[in-house]
C-alpha atoms as a PDB file:
ATOM      1  CA  MET A   1     -17.136 -24.086   5.587  1.00  0.00           C
ATOM      2  CA  ALA A   2     -14.514 -21.439   6.200  1.00  0.00           C
ATOM      3  CA  THR A   3     -14.031 -20.119   9.770  1.00  0.00           C
ATOM      4  CA  LEU A   4     -13.210 -16.643  10.764  1.00  0.00           C
ATOM      5  CA  LYS A   5     -11.664 -16.551  14.355  1.00  0.00           C
ATOM      6  CA  LYS A   6     -12.475 -13.584  16.483  1.00  0.00           C
ATOM      7  CA  TYR A   7     -10.086 -12.360  19.175  1.00  0.00           C
ATOM      8  CA  ASP A   8     -10.115  -9.546  21.756  1.00  0.00           C
ATOM      9  CA  LEU A   9      -7.164  -7.288  22.321  1.00  0.00           C
ATOM     10  CA  THR A  10      -5.599  -9.557  24.897  1.00  0.00           C
ATOM     11  CA  GLY A  11      -5.225 -12.208  22.088  1.00  0.00           C
ATOM     12  CA  LYS A  12      -7.951 -14.420  23.629  1.00  0.00           C
ATOM     13  CA  GLU A  13     -10.184 -16.038  21.169  1.00  0.00           C
ATOM     14  CA  VAL A  14     -13.708 -15.008  21.808  1.00  0.00           C
ATOM     15  CA  GLY A  15     -15.764 -16.662  19.009  1.00  0.00           C
ATOM     16  CA  ASP A  16     -15.820 -17.557  15.433  1.00  0.00           C
ATOM     17  CA  LEU A  17     -17.755 -17.006  12.431  1.00  0.00           C
ATOM     18  CA  GLU A  18     -18.599 -19.490   9.648  1.00  0.00           C
ATOM     19  CA  ILE A  19     -18.758 -18.402   6.114  1.00  0.00           C
ATOM     20  CA  ASP A  20     -20.447 -20.691   3.481  1.00  0.00           C
ATOM     21  CA  ASP A  21     -17.989 -21.927   0.830  1.00  0.00           C
ATOM     22  CA  SER A  22     -20.131 -20.610  -1.928  1.00  0.00           C
ATOM     23  CA  THR A  23     -19.504 -17.042  -0.580  1.00  0.00           C
ATOM     24  CA  ILE A  24     -15.762 -17.184  -0.910  1.00  0.00           C
ATOM     25  CA  GLN A  25     -15.481 -19.057  -4.106  1.00  0.00           C
ATOM     26  CA  VAL A  26     -14.614 -15.996  -6.049  1.00  0.00           C
ATOM     27  CA  LYS A  27     -12.186 -16.619  -8.839  1.00  0.00           C
ATOM     28  CA  ALA A  28     -10.405 -14.128 -10.985  1.00  0.00           C
ATOM     29  CA  ASN A  29      -8.067 -14.573 -13.893  1.00  0.00           C
ATOM     30  CA  MET A  30      -4.484 -14.503 -12.584  1.00  0.00           C
ATOM     31  CA  GLN A  31      -3.386 -12.375 -15.480  1.00  0.00           C
ATOM     32  CA  MET A  32      -6.023  -9.830 -14.768  1.00  0.00           C
ATOM     33  CA  ILE A  33      -4.887  -9.715 -11.064  1.00  0.00           C
ATOM     34  CA  LYS A  34      -1.232  -9.356 -12.184  1.00  0.00           C
ATOM     35  CA  ASN A  35      -2.203  -6.516 -14.473  1.00  0.00           C
ATOM     36  CA  TYR A  36      -4.105  -4.829 -11.645  1.00  0.00           C
ATOM     37  CA  LEU A  37      -1.217  -4.956  -9.237  1.00  0.00           C
ATOM     38  CA  VAL A  38       1.292  -3.736 -11.878  1.00  0.00           C
ATOM     39  CA  ALA A  39      -1.103  -0.763 -12.653  1.00  0.00           C
ATOM     40  CA  ILE A  40      -1.150   0.098  -8.948  1.00  0.00           C
ATOM     41  CA  ARG A  41       2.724   0.212  -8.569  1.00  0.00           C
ATOM     42  CA  ASN A  42       3.012   2.187 -11.941  1.00  0.00           C
ATOM     43  CA  ASN A  43       0.558   4.786 -10.815  1.00  0.00           C
ATOM     44  CA  ALA A  44       2.342   5.211  -7.652  1.00  0.00           C
ATOM     45  CA  ARG A  45       5.417   6.567  -9.458  1.00  0.00           C
ATOM     46  CA  GLN A  46       5.932  10.313  -9.470  1.00  0.00           C
ATOM     47  CA  TRP A  47       7.731  10.441 -12.813  1.00  0.00           C
ATOM     48  CA  SER A  48       9.351  13.821 -11.674  1.00  0.00           C
ATOM     49  CA  ALA A  49      13.193  12.951 -12.075  1.00  0.00           C
ATOM     50  CA  ASN A  50      14.734  15.650 -14.008  1.00  0.00           C
ATOM     51  CA  THR A  51      18.436  16.397 -15.177  1.00  0.00           C
ATOM     52  CA  LYS A  52      19.728  19.280 -17.226  1.00  0.00           C
ATOM     53  CA  THR A  53      21.219  18.821 -20.660  1.00  0.00           C
ATOM     54  CA  ARG A  54      24.296  20.684 -21.683  1.00  0.00           C
ATOM     55  CA  ALA A  55      21.998  23.329 -23.310  1.00  0.00           C
ATOM     56  CA  GLU A  56      20.235  23.947 -20.000  1.00  0.00           C
ATOM     57  CA  VAL A  57      23.256  24.197 -17.462  1.00  0.00           C
ATOM     58  CA  ASN A  58      24.400  27.623 -16.643  1.00  0.00           C
ATOM     59  CA  LYS A  59      27.881  27.747 -18.070  1.00  0.00           C
ATOM     60  CA  THR A  60      29.898  30.210 -20.056  1.00  0.00           C
ATOM     61  CA  LYS A  61      30.024  29.837 -23.796  1.00  0.00           C
ATOM     62  CA  ARG A  62      33.677  30.408 -23.945  1.00  0.00           C
ATOM     63  CA  LYS A  63      36.037  27.600 -25.158  1.00  0.00           C
ATOM     64  CA  PRO A  64      37.950  26.248 -22.242  1.00  0.00           C
ATOM     65  CA  HIS A  65      41.175  26.769 -24.143  1.00  0.00           C
ATOM     66  CA  ALA A  66      42.503  27.431 -27.561  1.00  0.00           C
ATOM     67  CA  GLN A  67      41.623  25.025 -30.323  1.00  0.00           C
ATOM     68  CA  LYS A  68      45.262  24.527 -31.342  1.00  0.00           C
ATOM     69  CA  GLY A  69      48.754  24.886 -29.929  1.00  0.00           C
ATOM     70  CA  THR A  70      48.214  23.636 -26.408  1.00  0.00           C
ATOM     71  CA  GLY A  71      48.839  19.973 -27.058  1.00  0.00           C
ATOM     72  CA  ARG A  72      45.532  19.155 -25.297  1.00  0.00           C
ATOM     73  CA  ALA A  73      42.360  17.684 -26.812  1.00  0.00           C
ATOM     74  CA  ARG A  74      40.074  20.214 -28.428  1.00  0.00           C
ATOM     75  CA  GLN A  75      37.184  21.244 -26.175  1.00  0.00           C
ATOM     76  CA  GLY A  76      34.165  23.233 -27.214  1.00  0.00           C
ATOM     77  CA  SER A  77      32.255  24.026 -23.909  1.00  0.00           C
ATOM     78  CA  LEU A  78      32.418  23.587 -20.228  1.00  0.00           C
ATOM     79  CA  ALA A  79      28.852  22.433 -20.346  1.00  0.00           C
ATOM     80  CA  ALA A  80      29.840  19.098 -21.945  1.00  0.00           C
ATOM     81  CA  PRO A  81      28.870  16.034 -19.928  1.00  0.00           C
ATOM     82  CA  HIS A  82      32.529  15.007 -19.202  1.00  0.00           C
ATOM     83  CA  PHE A  83      33.234  18.361 -17.240  1.00  0.00           C
ATOM     84  CA  LYS A  84      32.372  18.755 -13.705  1.00  0.00           C
ATOM     85  CA  GLY A  85      29.053  20.725 -13.450  1.00  0.00           C
ATOM     86  CA  GLY A  86      28.265  19.974 -16.988  1.00  0.00           C
ATOM     87  CA  GLY A  87      24.987  18.682 -18.440  1.00  0.00           C
ATOM     88  CA  VAL A  88      24.012  15.043 -18.110  1.00  0.00           C
ATOM     89  CA  ALA A  89      23.961  12.882 -21.205  1.00  0.00           C
ATOM     90  CA  PHE A  90      20.713  10.770 -21.693  1.00  0.00           C
ATOM     91  CA  GLY A  91      19.523  11.586 -18.135  1.00  0.00           C
ATOM     92  CA  PRO A  92      16.014  11.222 -16.915  1.00  0.00           C
ATOM     93  CA  LYS A  93      13.281  13.725 -17.844  1.00  0.00           C
ATOM     94  CA  PRO A  94       9.679  14.024 -16.499  1.00  0.00           C
ATOM     95  CA  LYS A  95       7.423  11.873 -18.499  1.00  0.00           C
ATOM     96  CA  PHE A  96       4.169  12.442 -19.884  1.00  0.00           C
ATOM     97  CA  ASP A  97       1.187  11.166 -17.985  1.00  0.00           C
ATOM     98  CA  GLN A  98       1.890   7.512 -17.232  1.00  0.00           C
ATOM     99  CA  HIS A  99      -1.315   6.793 -15.391  1.00  0.00           C
ATOM    100  CA  VAL A 100      -2.644   3.362 -16.208  1.00  0.00           C
ATOM    101  CA  ARG A 101      -6.510   3.155 -16.028  1.00  0.00           C
ATOM    102  CA  ILE A 102      -7.850   0.256 -14.082  1.00  0.00           C
ATOM    103  CA  ASN A 103     -11.301  -1.108 -14.956  1.00  0.00           C
ATOM    104  CA  ARG A 104     -13.607  -0.712 -12.034  1.00  0.00           C
ATOM    105  CA  LYS A 105     -15.166  -4.202 -12.356  1.00  0.00           C
ATOM    106  CA  GLU A 106     -11.843  -5.906 -12.708  1.00  0.00           C
ATOM    107  CA  ARG A 107     -10.465  -3.983  -9.725  1.00  0.00           C
ATOM    108  CA  ARG A 108     -13.513  -5.227  -7.673  1.00  0.00           C
ATOM    109  CA  GLN A 109     -13.178  -8.619  -8.887  1.00  0.00           C
ATOM    110  CA  ALA A 110      -9.435  -8.766  -8.040  1.00  0.00           C
ATOM    111  CA  ILE A 111      -9.923  -7.480  -4.534  1.00  0.00           C
ATOM    112  CA  ARG A 112     -12.803  -9.967  -3.911  1.00  0.00           C
ATOM    113  CA  SER A 113     -10.558 -12.881  -5.043  1.00  0.00           C
ATOM    114  CA  LEU A 114      -7.699 -11.704  -2.928  1.00  0.00           C
ATOM    115  CA  ILE A 115      -9.753 -11.446   0.112  1.00  0.00           C
ATOM    116  CA  CYS A 116     -11.251 -14.729  -0.325  1.00  0.00           C
ATOM    117  CA  GLU A 117      -7.807 -16.263  -0.810  1.00  0.00           C
ATOM    118  CA  LYS A 118      -6.816 -14.848   2.484  1.00  0.00           C
ATOM    119  CA  ILE A 119      -9.871 -16.376   4.306  1.00  0.00           C
ATOM    120  CA  GLN A 120      -9.171 -19.721   2.754  1.00  0.00           C
ATOM    121  CA  GLU A 121      -5.583 -19.586   3.868  1.00  0.00           C
ATOM    122  CA  GLY A 122      -6.736 -18.755   7.425  1.00  0.00           C
ATOM    123  CA  SER A 123      -4.773 -15.350   7.355  1.00  0.00           C
ATOM    124  CA  LEU A 124      -7.778 -13.269   7.854  1.00  0.00           C
ATOM    125  CA  MET A 125      -9.130 -12.838  11.415  1.00  0.00           C
ATOM    126  CA  VAL A 126     -11.564 -10.492  13.277  1.00  0.00           C
ATOM    127  CA  LEU A 127     -10.579  -8.195  16.228  1.00  0.00           C
ATOM    128  CA  LYS A 128     -13.311  -7.129  18.565  1.00  0.00           C
ATOM    129  CA  LEU A 129     -12.965  -3.181  18.651  1.00  0.00           C
ATOM    130  CA  PRO A 130     -11.746  -2.584  22.228  1.00  0.00           C
ATOM    131  CA  THR A 131     -13.037   0.165  24.390  1.00  0.00           C
ATOM    132  CA  MET A 132      -9.859   2.373  25.044  1.00  0.00           C
ATOM    133  CA  LYS A 133      -9.732   5.460  27.241  1.00  0.00           C
ATOM    134  CA  GLU A 134      -6.557   6.608  25.484  1.00  0.00           C
ATOM    135  CA  PRO A 135      -4.221   5.292  22.837  1.00  0.00           C
ATOM    136  CA  LYS A 136      -2.002   2.486  24.152  1.00  0.00           C
ATOM    137  CA  THR A 137       0.595   0.978  21.737  1.00  0.00           C
ATOM    138  CA  LYS A 138       1.715  -1.537  24.261  1.00  0.00           C
ATOM    139  CA  LEU A 139      -1.953  -3.210  24.103  1.00  0.00           C
ATOM    140  CA  VAL A 140      -1.682  -3.763  20.275  1.00  0.00           C
ATOM    141  CA  SER A 141       1.922  -4.829  20.506  1.00  0.00           C
ATOM    142  CA  GLY A 142       0.856  -7.345  23.138  1.00  0.00           C
ATOM    143  CA  PHE A 143      -1.928  -8.625  20.953  1.00  0.00           C
ATOM    144  CA  LEU A 144       0.325  -9.157  18.006  1.00  0.00           C
ATOM    145  CA  ASP A 145       2.831 -10.955  20.171  1.00  0.00           C
ATOM    146  CA  LYS A 146       0.091 -13.349  21.423  1.00  0.00           C
ATOM    147  CA  LEU A 147      -0.951 -14.165  17.958  1.00  0.00           C
ATOM    148  CA  GLU A 148       2.854 -14.443  16.762  1.00  0.00           C
ATOM    149  CA  LEU A 149       2.186 -11.698  14.321  1.00  0.00           C
ATOM    150  CA  ASN A 150       4.901  -9.432  15.637  1.00  0.00           C
ATOM    151  CA  GLN A 151       7.497 -10.379  12.885  1.00  0.00           C
ATOM    152  CA  LYS A 152       5.024 -10.436  10.086  1.00  0.00           C
ATOM    153  CA  SER A 153       3.463  -7.574   8.019  1.00  0.00           C
ATOM    154  CA  VAL A 154      -0.075  -6.984   9.272  1.00  0.00           C
ATOM    155  CA  LEU A 155      -2.883  -4.976   7.745  1.00  0.00           C
ATOM    156  CA  PHE A 156      -5.674  -3.696   9.976  1.00  0.00           C
ATOM    157  CA  LEU A 157      -9.013  -2.904   8.075  1.00  0.00           C
ATOM    158  CA  GLY A 158     -11.471  -0.646   9.692  1.00  0.00           C
ATOM    159  CA  GLU A 159     -14.889   0.496   8.702  1.00  0.00           C
ATOM    160  CA  SER A 160     -15.268   3.234   5.955  1.00  0.00           C
ATOM    161  CA  SER A 161     -16.083   6.664   7.655  1.00  0.00           C
ATOM    162  CA  ILE A 162     -19.343   6.763   5.525  1.00  0.00           C
ATOM    163  CA  GLU A 163     -20.567   3.580   7.187  1.00  0.00           C
ATOM    164  CA  GLN A 164     -19.774   4.457  10.796  1.00  0.00           C
ATOM    165  CA  LYS A 165     -22.839   4.122  12.867  1.00  0.00           C
ATOM    166  CA  SER A 166     -21.750   6.298  15.666  1.00  0.00           C
ATOM    167  CA  ASN A 167     -19.403   8.868  16.976  1.00  0.00           C
ATOM    168  CA  ASN A 168     -18.277   6.381  19.763  1.00  0.00           C
ATOM    169  CA  THR A 169     -17.147   3.797  16.945  1.00  0.00           C
ATOM    170  CA  SER A 170     -15.353   6.470  15.227  1.00  0.00           C
ATOM    171  CA  ASP A 171     -13.582   7.753  18.288  1.00  0.00           C
ATOM    172  CA  GLN A 172     -12.562   4.099  19.326  1.00  0.00           C
ATOM    173  CA  LYS A 173     -11.255   3.545  15.826  1.00  0.00           C
ATOM    174  CA  ASN A 174      -9.121   6.749  15.946  1.00  0.00           C
ATOM    175  CA  LYS A 175      -7.716   5.658  19.344  1.00  0.00           C
ATOM    176  CA  PHE A 176      -6.807   2.263  17.847  1.00  0.00           C
ATOM    177  CA  VAL A 177      -5.143   3.731  14.839  1.00  0.00           C
ATOM    178  CA  LEU A 178      -3.043   5.889  17.198  1.00  0.00           C
ATOM    179  CA  SER A 179      -2.183   2.826  19.058  1.00  0.00           C
ATOM    180  CA  MET A 180      -0.728   0.832  16.184  1.00  0.00           C
ATOM    181  CA  ARG A 181       0.730   3.382  13.780  1.00  0.00           C
ATOM    182  CA  ASN A 182       4.278   3.240  15.479  1.00  0.00           C
ATOM    183  CA  ILE A 183       4.506  -0.591  15.354  1.00  0.00           C
ATOM    184  CA  PRO A 184       6.818  -1.700  12.558  1.00  0.00           C
ATOM    185  CA  LYS A 185       5.177  -3.811   9.624  1.00  0.00           C
ATOM    186  CA  THR A 186       1.662  -2.736  10.479  1.00  0.00           C
ATOM    187  CA  ASP A 187      -0.616  -0.553   8.373  1.00  0.00           C
ATOM    188  CA  PHE A 188      -4.222   0.464   8.573  1.00  0.00           C
ATOM    189  CA  ALA A 189      -6.760   1.143   5.856  1.00  0.00           C
ATOM    190  CA  SER A 190     -10.513   1.436   5.504  1.00  0.00           C
ATOM    191  CA  ILE A 191     -12.569  -1.046   3.550  1.00  0.00           C
ATOM    192  CA  SER A 192     -13.191   1.484   0.831  1.00  0.00           C
ATOM    193  CA  HIS A 193      -9.534   2.542   0.593  1.00  0.00           C
ATOM    194  CA  MET A 194      -7.720  -0.653   0.588  1.00  0.00           C
ATOM    195  CA  ASN A 195      -6.291  -2.094  -2.661  1.00  0.00           C
ATOM    196  CA  GLY A 196      -5.014  -5.252  -3.994  1.00  0.00           C
ATOM    197  CA  TYR A 197      -1.349  -4.488  -3.242  1.00  0.00           C
ATOM    198  CA  ASP A 198      -2.123  -3.997   0.385  1.00  0.00           C
ATOM    199  CA  LEU A 199      -3.649  -7.455   0.576  1.00  0.00           C
ATOM    200  CA  VAL A 200      -0.906  -9.077  -1.315  1.00  0.00           C
ATOM    201  CA  LYS A 201       2.094  -7.588   0.537  1.00  0.00           C
ATOM    202  CA  ASN A 202       0.703  -8.259   4.082  1.00  0.00           C
ATOM    203  CA  LYS A 203       1.028 -11.652   5.467  1.00  0.00           C
ATOM    204  CA  ALA A 204      -2.016 -11.231   7.858  1.00  0.00           C
ATOM    205  CA  ILE A 205      -5.387  -9.224   7.563  1.00  0.00           C
ATOM    206  CA  ILE A 206      -7.057  -8.305  10.785  1.00  0.00           C
ATOM    207  CA  VAL A 207     -10.693  -6.930  10.352  1.00  0.00           C
ATOM    208  CA  LEU A 208     -12.041  -4.664  13.087  1.00  0.00           C
ATOM    209  CA  GLU A 209     -15.407  -5.963  14.108  1.00  0.00           C
ATOM    210  CA  PRO A 210     -17.449  -3.009  13.004  1.00  0.00           C
ATOM    211  CA  ALA A 211     -16.071  -3.338   9.532  1.00  0.00           C
ATOM    212  CA  LEU A 212     -16.827  -7.006   9.192  1.00  0.00           C
ATOM    213  CA  ASP A 213     -20.390  -6.676   7.604  1.00  0.00           C
ATOM    214  CA  GLN A 214     -18.973  -4.318   5.130  1.00  0.00           C
ATOM    215  CA  MET A 215     -16.303  -6.754   4.157  1.00  0.00           C
ATOM    216  CA  LEU A 216     -18.592  -9.671   3.694  1.00  0.00           C
ATOM    217  CA  THR A 217     -20.872  -7.225   1.560  1.00  0.00           C
ATOM    218  CA  LEU A 218     -17.870  -6.566  -0.573  1.00  0.00           C
ATOM    219  CA  ILE A 219     -16.886 -10.135  -1.151  1.00  0.00           C
ATOM    220  CA  SER A 220     -20.449 -11.146  -1.764  1.00  0.00           C
ATOM    221  CA  GLY A 221     -20.606  -8.580  -4.631  1.00  0.00           C
ATOM    222  CA  ASP A 222     -23.795  -6.888  -3.407  1.00  0.00           C
END
């Protein structure tokens, strides 16, 4: 059985949670996962780069100099690409809609598989949501130092706002987010908004305790 370790904000282990192997034996085709990750990266592109051709730049239509008699190469327009301020030859233009559609079932299967892989590697752990009077970056930084994660990329996963059971939980989560957002190499996402790229690029995944049930429901496919 796989074991999820639970910590408090001081870095002290306060318990663990055993997960049945059958729950985390979620497999996904590697090519499907690759296609999903490539689609995420492609969809993040803006496709807004734009350059002007020689027909679009605002230049006089007069010839730079006479066609003959100067001993110089003939020139037709100051808008030519080899002149300063001229148009750009073969430059980027805004593309048509490049959005790649991601199949919903494939996306869910890929995310479930990546989460299970993190659990099997021991890279996923649980943090008991602390009671904080005010945001304190020093507390979260000390927690990461205690677990030797201060030099690694870390993703914190919180409960989706729809699933939050009380205003107090929401308030504590907001204070925690304010406490960790200035720490380098850390990121925060709710269970419903995370994607496979977040799971792949971060070395450690830390689930806030109120989001644990939601994560287990996700990987079980219910």
